[in-house]
């Protein structure tokens, strides 16, 4: 369970302990910070079954090919391990070779690696491993200094046909596919194709001496980064990780994990309208995408707009009931909870789009969120993003252009609104 001492309290205690040691010298009676190495999640992605239309090659997969995926850490550590998943595969998948390394030029989409940073991943001492159908594999821990906010490249070589992949549809990062084994090649050129998703990569953990666990953002495309700049790490959870990493002291920094899926709904599956890559409902994927991550202590729930868009006939009662059930299950696991209001989207010209009836549902859910006691705290995303002159619309300065997804400035505003005491 999350420590009752929040981040600010821990910071004050840390400063006080260090100050006392400097002024008076250490004594046997003084409380000291004793390192307790533990694993914490520094990056994660929610994964789904392959697209029925083979988007991103997810259905055909890879054969004698290497896949280089770019990610950015949140919290830092001195050891690292990688989790790969075949949760939605049709059969076993062989990993022939895999590495992790730092990229040369972060936030550009460049696939070149810092040569001295390349670390070979092993699995029970072997460079090859089989991911059985429906199962994950966890790499052996490797010594690697990974500072906070470090851009890493994970390269995985698949020597034989994978069949359908387990993937994340919208990465907002370039993923590079190469012929043959390129896992240890620092040169990022020569790809056969550039994709826009992550494949089989479920999470990255780091080991650190002091940890307060991780914060997981459980959301839809607003949190997944639709509307943000590609290859720039400007999703709002990225900005939250940056705030945490750059706010002293750093000793008890939390990891920030993104468990969002574009198109995800709270109480309906994406398959109900033919887009399985939107994932099962948030209630259905809770055990894997939250409980299955490393040391999650706080969950920020940002969900509901897709339920309103696609199933307005449900009204607000089903959504509110879904949120209450989500809060109850998280509480049962001792996880702290923060719930977001649903942002404005009048003018959204998607299919389906905004309507006065859908606006009534949004306002009803937001009224519940602001007044409820089911969650531990509220992040009023609606108040952050709305235009004061037209509250059912996004503030133009925060609009990515489609009138529903915030741009980079809007994402920064959401992250800035998170109170550290709540997480």
Protein backbone atom coordinates (compact mmCIF):
# COMPACT_ATOMS: atom_id res chain seq x y z
CA UNK A 1 0.00 0.00 0.00
CA UNK A 2 1.10 3.54 -0.65
CA UNK A 3 3.00 4.97 2.26
CA UNK A 4 0.90 7.44 4.30
CA UNK A 5 3.88 9.78 4.08
CA UNK A 6 3.29 11.68 0.84
CA UNK A 7 6.05 12.94 -1.42
CA UNK A 8 6.30 16.34 0.24
CA UNK A 9 6.56 14.81 3.71
CA UNK A 10 9.28 12.43 2.56
CA UNK A 11 11.14 15.33 1.01
CA UNK A 12 11.01 17.29 4.26
CA UNK A 13 12.24 14.30 6.26
CA UNK A 14 15.07 13.73 3.80
CA UNK A 15 16.22 17.34 3.96
CA UNK A 16 15.98 17.34 7.75
CA UNK A 17 18.02 14.13 8.07
CA UNK A 18 20.74 15.33 5.71
CA UNK A 19 20.89 18.73 7.41
CA UNK A 20 21.19 17.17 10.87
CA UNK A 21 24.01 14.93 9.69
CA UNK A 22 25.91 17.87 8.22
CA UNK A 23 25.48 20.10 11.26
CA UNK A 24 25.96 17.62 14.07
CA UNK A 25 27.53 14.55 12.52
CA UNK A 26 25.97 11.14 12.42
CA UNK A 27 25.19 9.50 15.74
CA UNK A 28 23.78 6.10 16.57
CA UNK A 29 20.60 7.72 17.85
CA UNK A 30 19.84 9.57 14.61
CA UNK A 31 17.49 8.17 12.00
CA UNK A 32 19.36 7.40 8.81
CA UNK A 33 18.23 6.54 5.31
CA UNK A 34 19.20 2.93 4.68
CA UNK A 35 19.24 1.92 1.01
CA UNK A 36 16.65 -0.73 0.23
CA UNK A 37 17.13 -1.70 -3.43
CA UNK A 38 13.85 -2.48 -5.13
CA UNK A 39 12.35 -2.60 -8.61
CA UNK A 40 10.04 0.11 -9.88
CA UNK A 41 8.39 0.60 -13.25
CA UNK A 42 9.96 3.37 -15.31
CA UNK A 43 8.05 2.81 -18.58
CA UNK A 44 5.08 0.73 -19.69
CA UNK A 45 2.58 0.33 -22.50
CA UNK A 46 -0.89 -1.20 -22.55
CA UNK A 47 -1.00 -3.89 -25.23
CA UNK A 48 -3.82 -5.32 -27.36
CA UNK A 49 -4.48 -7.98 -29.94
CA UNK A 50 -3.49 -7.36 -33.55
CA UNK A 51 -5.62 -5.14 -35.77
CA UNK A 52 -8.23 -7.00 -37.81
CA UNK A 53 -7.13 -4.90 -40.79
CA UNK A 54 -3.41 -5.61 -40.22
CA UNK A 55 -2.69 -1.98 -39.31
CA UNK A 56 1.02 -1.48 -38.72
CA UNK A 57 1.69 -5.05 -39.87
CA UNK A 58 0.37 -6.20 -36.51
CA UNK A 59 -1.40 -9.23 -37.91
CA UNK A 60 1.40 -10.54 -40.16
CA UNK A 61 4.15 -9.76 -37.65
CA UNK A 62 7.85 -10.30 -38.31
CA UNK A 63 10.12 -12.99 -39.78
CA UNK A 64 13.94 -12.85 -39.66
CA UNK A 65 13.58 -9.17 -38.75
CA UNK A 66 14.69 -6.85 -35.99
CA UNK A 67 12.36 -4.27 -34.44
CA UNK A 68 13.89 -1.18 -32.78
CA UNK A 69 11.49 0.65 -30.45
CA UNK A 70 12.18 4.03 -28.84
CA UNK A 71 10.90 4.84 -25.34
CA UNK A 72 11.69 7.34 -22.58
CA UNK A 73 12.15 6.42 -18.94
CA UNK A 74 10.57 8.31 -16.06
CA UNK A 75 12.53 7.43 -12.90
CA UNK A 76 16.18 6.37 -12.98
CA UNK A 77 18.13 3.43 -11.55
CA UNK A 78 21.36 1.45 -11.76
CA UNK A 79 19.93 -1.83 -13.07
CA UNK A 80 17.34 -2.50 -15.74
CA UNK A 81 15.10 -5.33 -16.88
CA UNK A 82 12.66 -5.61 -19.78
CA UNK A 83 9.30 -7.37 -19.98
CA UNK A 84 8.06 -8.72 -23.31
CA UNK A 85 4.53 -10.05 -23.83
CA UNK A 86 2.88 -12.54 -26.15
CA UNK A 87 -0.46 -12.07 -24.39
CA UNK A 88 -2.44 -11.86 -27.65
CA UNK A 89 -0.34 -14.15 -29.84
CA UNK A 90 -1.72 -17.13 -31.74
CA UNK A 91 1.21 -19.37 -30.76
CA UNK A 92 4.74 -19.33 -29.31
CA UNK A 93 7.11 -16.57 -30.44
CA UNK A 94 10.90 -16.92 -30.47
CA UNK A 95 13.10 -14.00 -29.45
CA UNK A 96 16.52 -14.67 -30.95
CA UNK A 97 18.43 -11.68 -29.62
CA UNK A 98 17.54 -8.46 -27.79
CA UNK A 99 19.36 -5.37 -26.53
CA UNK A 100 18.72 -2.10 -24.76
CA UNK A 101 20.75 1.06 -25.37
CA UNK A 102 20.65 4.84 -25.20
CA UNK A 103 19.81 6.79 -28.34
CA UNK A 104 22.27 9.35 -29.70
CA UNK A 105 19.82 12.19 -30.25
CA UNK A 106 16.75 11.93 -28.00
CA UNK A 107 13.38 13.41 -28.94
CA UNK A 108 14.06 13.24 -32.66
CA UNK A 109 13.04 9.72 -33.67
CA UNK A 110 16.67 8.98 -34.55
CA UNK A 111 17.42 5.25 -34.24
CA UNK A 112 21.22 5.57 -33.85
CA UNK A 113 22.57 4.10 -30.59
CA UNK A 114 25.39 5.25 -28.32
CA UNK A 115 27.83 2.38 -29.01
CA UNK A 116 29.18 2.00 -25.48
CA UNK A 117 25.68 1.92 -24.04
CA UNK A 118 24.44 -1.23 -25.79
CA UNK A 119 23.57 -4.00 -23.33
CA UNK A 120 22.62 -7.50 -24.41
CA UNK A 121 19.51 -8.85 -22.74
CA UNK A 122 19.48 -12.42 -21.47
CA UNK A 123 16.74 -14.69 -20.21
CA UNK A 124 17.94 -17.16 -17.58
CA UNK A 125 21.39 -16.61 -19.01
CA UNK A 126 20.45 -17.23 -22.65
CA UNK A 127 20.18 -14.61 -25.40
CA UNK A 128 17.20 -16.50 -26.87
CA UNK A 129 13.84 -17.17 -25.27
CA UNK A 130 10.41 -18.47 -26.25
CA UNK A 131 7.35 -16.42 -25.37
CA UNK A 132 4.60 -18.97 -25.04
CA UNK A 133 1.08 -18.16 -26.19
CA UNK A 134 -0.57 -15.76 -23.76
CA UNK A 135 2.57 -15.39 -21.62
CA UNK A 136 5.16 -12.76 -20.74
CA UNK A 137 8.93 -13.11 -20.38
CA UNK A 138 11.11 -11.04 -18.04
CA UNK A 139 14.77 -10.45 -18.86
CA UNK A 140 17.59 -10.99 -16.41
CA UNK A 141 18.61 -7.82 -14.54
CA UNK A 142 21.58 -6.06 -16.14
CA UNK A 143 23.83 -3.39 -14.70
CA UNK A 144 23.12 -0.15 -16.56
CA UNK A 145 23.06 3.39 -15.29
CA UNK A 146 19.72 4.75 -16.48
CA UNK A 147 19.13 8.35 -15.38
CA UNK A 148 15.63 9.73 -15.17
CA UNK A 149 14.14 10.88 -18.49
CA UNK A 150 16.59 8.81 -20.55
CA UNK A 151 15.59 7.81 -24.07
CA UNK A 152 16.22 4.12 -24.65
CA UNK A 153 16.02 1.89 -27.71
CA UNK A 154 14.93 -1.71 -27.25
CA UNK A 155 15.84 -3.84 -30.27
CA UNK A 156 14.37 -7.33 -30.59
CA UNK A 157 15.34 -9.85 -33.27
CA UNK A 158 12.71 -12.39 -34.34
CA UNK A 159 14.47 -15.21 -36.28
CA UNK A 160 11.24 -16.99 -37.28
CA UNK A 161 7.72 -15.92 -38.18
CA UNK A 162 5.95 -14.45 -35.16
CA UNK A 163 2.44 -14.59 -36.51
CA UNK A 164 0.09 -11.99 -35.09
CA UNK A 165 1.67 -9.59 -32.64
CA UNK A 166 0.82 -8.25 -29.23
CA UNK A 167 1.13 -4.51 -29.72
CA UNK A 168 0.30 -0.91 -28.87
CA UNK A 169 -1.35 0.88 -31.78
CA UNK A 170 -0.42 4.53 -31.22
CA UNK A 171 3.10 4.98 -29.90
CA UNK A 172 3.68 8.55 -31.13
CA UNK A 173 7.23 7.28 -31.71
CA UNK A 174 8.91 5.84 -34.78
CA UNK A 175 9.58 2.11 -34.65
CA UNK A 176 12.13 0.73 -37.11
CA UNK A 177 12.05 -2.68 -38.78
CA UNK A 178 15.26 -4.17 -40.26
CA UNK A 179 16.10 -7.34 -42.15
CA UNK A 180 18.11 -9.84 -40.11
CA UNK A 181 19.67 -9.45 -36.67
CA UNK A 182 20.45 -5.78 -35.97
CA UNK A 183 20.15 -5.95 -32.18
CA UNK A 184 23.76 -4.93 -31.50
CA UNK A 185 24.18 -2.58 -34.46
CA UNK A 186 24.51 1.04 -33.29
CA UNK A 187 23.68 2.29 -36.79
CA UNK A 188 20.00 3.07 -37.06
CA UNK A 189 19.96 3.45 -40.84
CA UNK A 190 18.87 0.83 -43.35
CA UNK A 191 15.39 0.08 -42.08
CA UNK A 192 12.95 -1.69 -44.37
CA UNK A 193 9.96 0.17 -42.97
CA UNK A 194 9.05 2.67 -40.23
CA UNK A 195 6.03 1.86 -38.07
CA UNK A 196 4.07 3.88 -35.50
CA UNK A 197 3.41 1.25 -32.83
CA UNK A 198 5.25 -0.78 -30.19
CA UNK A 199 5.41 -4.59 -30.55
CA UNK A 200 5.59 -7.16 -27.74
CA UNK A 201 7.20 -4.57 -25.41
CA UNK A 202 5.18 -4.35 -22.19
CA UNK A 203 7.39 -2.67 -19.61
CA UNK A 204 10.80 -1.54 -18.39
CA UNK A 205 11.81 -1.61 -14.73
CA UNK A 206 14.79 -0.08 -12.98
CA UNK A 207 16.30 -0.92 -9.63
CA UNK A 208 16.96 1.98 -7.26
CA UNK A 209 18.04 2.33 -3.64
CA UNK A 210 14.96 4.29 -2.59
CA UNK A 211 11.54 4.07 -4.18
CA UNK A 212 7.99 5.23 -3.60
CA UNK A 213 6.65 3.02 -6.37
CA UNK A 214 5.03 4.24 -9.55
CA UNK A 215 2.08 6.32 -10.71
CA UNK A 216 0.10 4.74 -13.55
CA UNK A 217 -2.08 6.83 -15.85
CA UNK A 218 -5.07 4.71 -16.89
CA UNK A 219 -6.72 6.42 -19.79
CA UNK A 220 -7.63 6.80 -23.45
CA UNK A 221 -6.19 8.80 -26.36
CA UNK A 222 -6.00 11.97 -24.25
CA UNK A 223 -3.32 10.26 -22.15
CA UNK A 224 -1.97 8.04 -24.95
CA UNK A 225 -0.76 11.18 -26.70
CA UNK A 226 -3.04 11.74 -29.69
CA UNK A 227 -2.50 15.36 -30.63
CA UNK A 228 1.05 15.48 -29.22
CA UNK A 229 4.20 15.93 -31.29
CA UNK A 230 5.54 12.64 -32.68
CA UNK A 231 8.96 11.55 -31.31
CA UNK A 232 9.04 14.40 -28.80
CA UNK A 233 7.74 12.75 -25.59
CA UNK A 234 5.09 15.42 -25.04
CA UNK A 235 2.20 13.31 -23.81
CA UNK A 236 0.89 14.67 -20.52
CA UNK A 237 2.22 11.66 -18.53
CA UNK A 238 5.65 12.51 -20.00
CA UNK A 239 5.36 16.04 -18.68
CA UNK A 240 4.30 14.68 -15.29
CA UNK A 241 7.41 12.46 -15.21
CA UNK A 242 9.51 15.51 -16.06
CA UNK A 243 7.93 17.53 -13.24
CA UNK A 244 8.65 14.78 -10.73
CA UNK A 245 12.23 14.27 -11.93
CA UNK A 246 13.08 17.97 -11.86
CA UNK A 247 11.46 18.79 -8.50
CA UNK A 248 13.87 18.25 -5.58
CA UNK A 249 14.55 16.06 -3.78
CA UNK A 250 14.80 13.15 -6.21
CA UNK A 251 15.52 10.38 -3.73
CA UNK A 252 11.91 9.17 -3.49
CA UNK A 253 10.78 9.98 -7.03
CA UNK A 254 7.95 7.85 -8.39
CA UNK A 255 8.00 6.22 -11.77
CA UNK A 256 5.29 7.30 -14.22
CA UNK A 257 3.72 4.57 -16.34
CA UNK A 258 1.37 5.18 -19.25
CA UNK A 259 -1.41 2.58 -19.24
CA UNK A 260 -3.57 4.45 -21.75
CA UNK A 261 -5.06 3.11 -24.97
CA UNK A 262 -6.42 5.34 -27.72
CA UNK A 263 -10.13 4.66 -28.13
CA UNK A 264 -10.40 2.80 -24.83
CA UNK A 265 -13.70 2.81 -22.99
CA UNK A 266 -14.57 2.26 -19.38
CA UNK A 267 -17.40 -0.25 -19.81
CA UNK A 268 -17.28 -1.33 -23.48
CA UNK A 269 -14.73 -3.21 -25.62
CA UNK A 270 -13.29 -1.81 -28.83
CA UNK A 271 -14.35 -5.02 -30.56
CA UNK A 272 -17.99 -4.04 -30.06
CA UNK A 273 -17.61 -1.70 -33.02
CA UNK A 274 -14.84 -3.57 -34.86
CA UNK A 275 -11.65 -1.89 -33.61
CA UNK A 276 -9.99 -4.46 -31.36
CA UNK A 277 -6.83 -2.35 -31.08
CA UNK A 278 -8.80 -0.02 -28.81
CA UNK A 279 -8.61 -2.82 -26.26
CA UNK A 280 -11.04 -4.46 -23.93
CA UNK A 281 -12.84 -2.22 -21.44
CA UNK A 282 -10.81 -0.56 -18.71
CA UNK A 283 -12.59 -2.73 -16.17
CA UNK A 284 -11.66 -5.88 -18.11
CA UNK A 285 -7.98 -5.01 -18.57
CA UNK A 286 -7.40 -3.87 -15.01
CA UNK A 287 -5.63 -7.03 -13.79
CA UNK A 288 -3.02 -6.93 -16.58
CA UNK A 289 -2.49 -3.25 -17.31
CA UNK A 290 -2.50 -2.06 -13.69
CA UNK A 291 -1.96 -5.00 -11.34
CA UNK A 292 0.51 -6.57 -13.76
CA UNK A 293 2.87 -3.58 -13.69
CA UNK A 294 5.69 -3.20 -11.18
CA UNK A 295 4.95 -1.58 -7.81
CA UNK A 296 2.00 0.61 -8.84
CA UNK A 297 0.98 2.71 -5.82
CA UNK A 298 -1.23 5.38 -7.45
CA UNK A 299 -3.55 5.23 -10.46
CA UNK A 300 -4.84 8.32 -12.27
CA UNK A 301 -8.06 7.40 -14.09
CA UNK A 302 -8.78 9.40 -17.27
CA UNK A 303 -11.64 7.63 -19.02
CA UNK A 304 -15.22 8.06 -20.18
CA UNK A 305 -15.27 10.23 -23.29
CA UNK A 306 -15.28 7.26 -25.68
CA UNK A 307 -18.19 5.65 -23.83
CA UNK A 308 -20.11 8.91 -24.26
CA UNK A 309 -19.22 9.17 -27.95
CA UNK A 310 -20.04 5.58 -28.91
CA UNK A 311 -22.80 4.60 -26.49
CA UNK A 312 -24.77 7.73 -25.51
CA UNK A 313 -27.82 5.53 -24.92
CA UNK A 314 -26.11 4.32 -21.72
CA UNK A 315 -26.55 7.76 -20.17
CA UNK A 316 -24.41 8.72 -17.20
CA UNK A 317 -25.47 5.99 -14.75
CA UNK A 318 -23.44 3.21 -16.40
CA UNK A 319 -20.32 5.38 -16.56
CA UNK A 320 -20.61 6.45 -12.94
CA UNK A 321 -21.16 2.84 -11.88
CA UNK A 322 -18.09 1.80 -13.86
CA UNK A 323 -15.95 4.44 -12.18
CA UNK A 324 -17.21 3.37 -8.75
CA UNK A 325 -16.35 -0.26 -9.48
CA UNK A 326 -12.90 0.73 -10.73
CA UNK A 327 -12.26 2.70 -7.54
CA UNK A 328 -13.44 -0.19 -5.37
CA UNK A 329 -11.15 -2.72 -7.05
CA UNK A 330 -8.12 -0.43 -6.88
CA UNK A 331 -8.83 0.31 -3.23
CA UNK A 332 -9.00 -3.43 -2.52
CA UNK A 333 -5.41 -3.68 -3.75
CA UNK A 334 -4.28 -0.78 -1.57
CA UNK A 335 -3.75 1.52 -4.55
CA UNK A 336 -4.29 5.27 -4.20
CA UNK A 337 -6.71 6.68 -6.79
CA UNK A 338 -7.10 9.99 -8.62
CA UNK A 339 -9.99 10.47 -11.07
CA UNK A 340 -10.17 13.01 -13.90
CA UNK A 341 -13.15 14.96 -15.08
CA UNK A 342 -13.93 14.54 -18.78
CA UNK A 343 -12.64 17.33 -20.96
CA UNK A 344 -14.74 19.38 -23.41
CA UNK A 345 -15.14 18.29 -27.02
CA UNK A 346 -17.76 20.45 -28.74
CA UNK A 347 -16.69 20.85 -32.36
CA UNK A 348 -15.16 17.37 -32.54
CA UNK A 349 -16.08 16.22 -36.02
CA UNK A 350 -15.32 12.56 -35.59
CA UNK A 351 -17.86 9.88 -36.30
CA UNK A 352 -19.62 9.93 -33.89
CA UNK A 353 -19.12 13.52 -32.85
CA UNK A 354 -20.29 15.98 -30.23
CA UNK A 355 -24.02 16.52 -29.61
CA UNK A 356 -26.05 18.36 -26.97
CA UNK A 357 -27.21 15.01 -25.57
CA UNK A 358 -23.63 13.82 -25.17
CA UNK A 359 -22.76 17.09 -23.47
CA UNK A 360 -25.48 16.47 -20.87
CA UNK A 361 -23.89 13.10 -20.07
CA UNK A 362 -20.41 14.61 -19.80
CA UNK A 363 -21.61 17.27 -17.38
CA UNK A 364 -23.47 14.70 -15.27
CA UNK A 365 -20.37 12.51 -14.96
CA UNK A 366 -18.23 15.53 -14.13
CA UNK A 367 -20.68 16.60 -11.42
CA UNK A 368 -20.37 13.14 -9.89
CA UNK A 369 -16.54 13.23 -10.09
CA UNK A 370 -16.32 16.61 -8.38
CA UNK A 371 -18.63 15.59 -5.54
CA UNK A 372 -17.80 11.92 -4.95
CA UNK A 373 -15.80 10.23 -2.20
CA UNK A 374 -15.05 6.97 -4.05
CA UNK A 375 -11.63 8.15 -5.22
CA UNK A 376 -8.90 9.71 -3.08
CA UNK A 377 -8.48 12.84 -5.21
CA UNK A 378 -9.73 14.63 -8.33
CA UNK A 379 -7.80 16.03 -11.29
CA UNK A 380 -10.19 18.52 -12.89
CA UNK A 381 -9.05 18.14 -16.47
CA UNK A 382 -12.20 19.82 -17.73
CA UNK A 383 -11.41 22.98 -15.79
CA UNK A 384 -7.82 22.95 -17.07
CA UNK A 385 -8.69 22.53 -20.75
CA UNK A 386 -11.99 24.33 -21.31
CA UNK A 387 -12.48 27.71 -22.89
CA UNK A 388 -13.95 30.01 -20.18
CA UNK A 389 -15.93 31.81 -22.88
CA UNK A 390 -17.35 28.52 -24.23
CA UNK A 391 -17.02 25.83 -21.53
CA UNK A 392 -18.11 22.97 -23.78
CA UNK A 393 -15.11 23.65 -26.05
CA UNK A 394 -11.35 23.25 -25.71
CA UNK A 395 -9.39 26.43 -25.12
CA UNK A 396 -8.01 27.30 -28.58
CA UNK A 397 -4.46 27.58 -27.22
CA UNK A 398 -4.71 23.93 -26.05
CA UNK A 399 -6.46 22.51 -29.14
CA UNK A 400 -4.46 20.14 -31.35
CA UNK A 401 -6.89 20.90 -34.16
CA UNK A 402 -9.56 18.24 -33.79
CA UNK A 403 -11.28 19.97 -30.83
CA UNK A 404 -10.97 16.98 -28.50
CA UNK A 405 -7.26 16.17 -28.06
CA UNK A 406 -4.98 18.68 -26.34
CA UNK A 407 -1.79 19.78 -28.04
CA UNK A 408 1.61 19.89 -26.32
CA UNK A 409 0.67 23.05 -24.40
CA UNK A 410 -2.56 21.45 -23.25
CA UNK A 411 -0.70 18.31 -22.19
CA UNK A 412 1.72 20.43 -20.16
CA UNK A 413 -1.23 22.19 -18.50
CA UNK A 414 -2.75 18.86 -17.45
CA UNK A 415 0.55 17.68 -15.98
CA UNK A 416 1.00 20.98 -14.15
CA UNK A 417 -2.43 20.53 -12.54
CA UNK A 418 -1.44 17.26 -10.84
CA UNK A 419 -0.86 17.92 -7.15
CA UNK A 420 2.07 15.96 -5.76
CA UNK A 421 0.20 15.42 -2.51
CA UNK A 422 -2.43 13.47 -4.46
CA UNK A 423 -0.01 10.97 -5.98
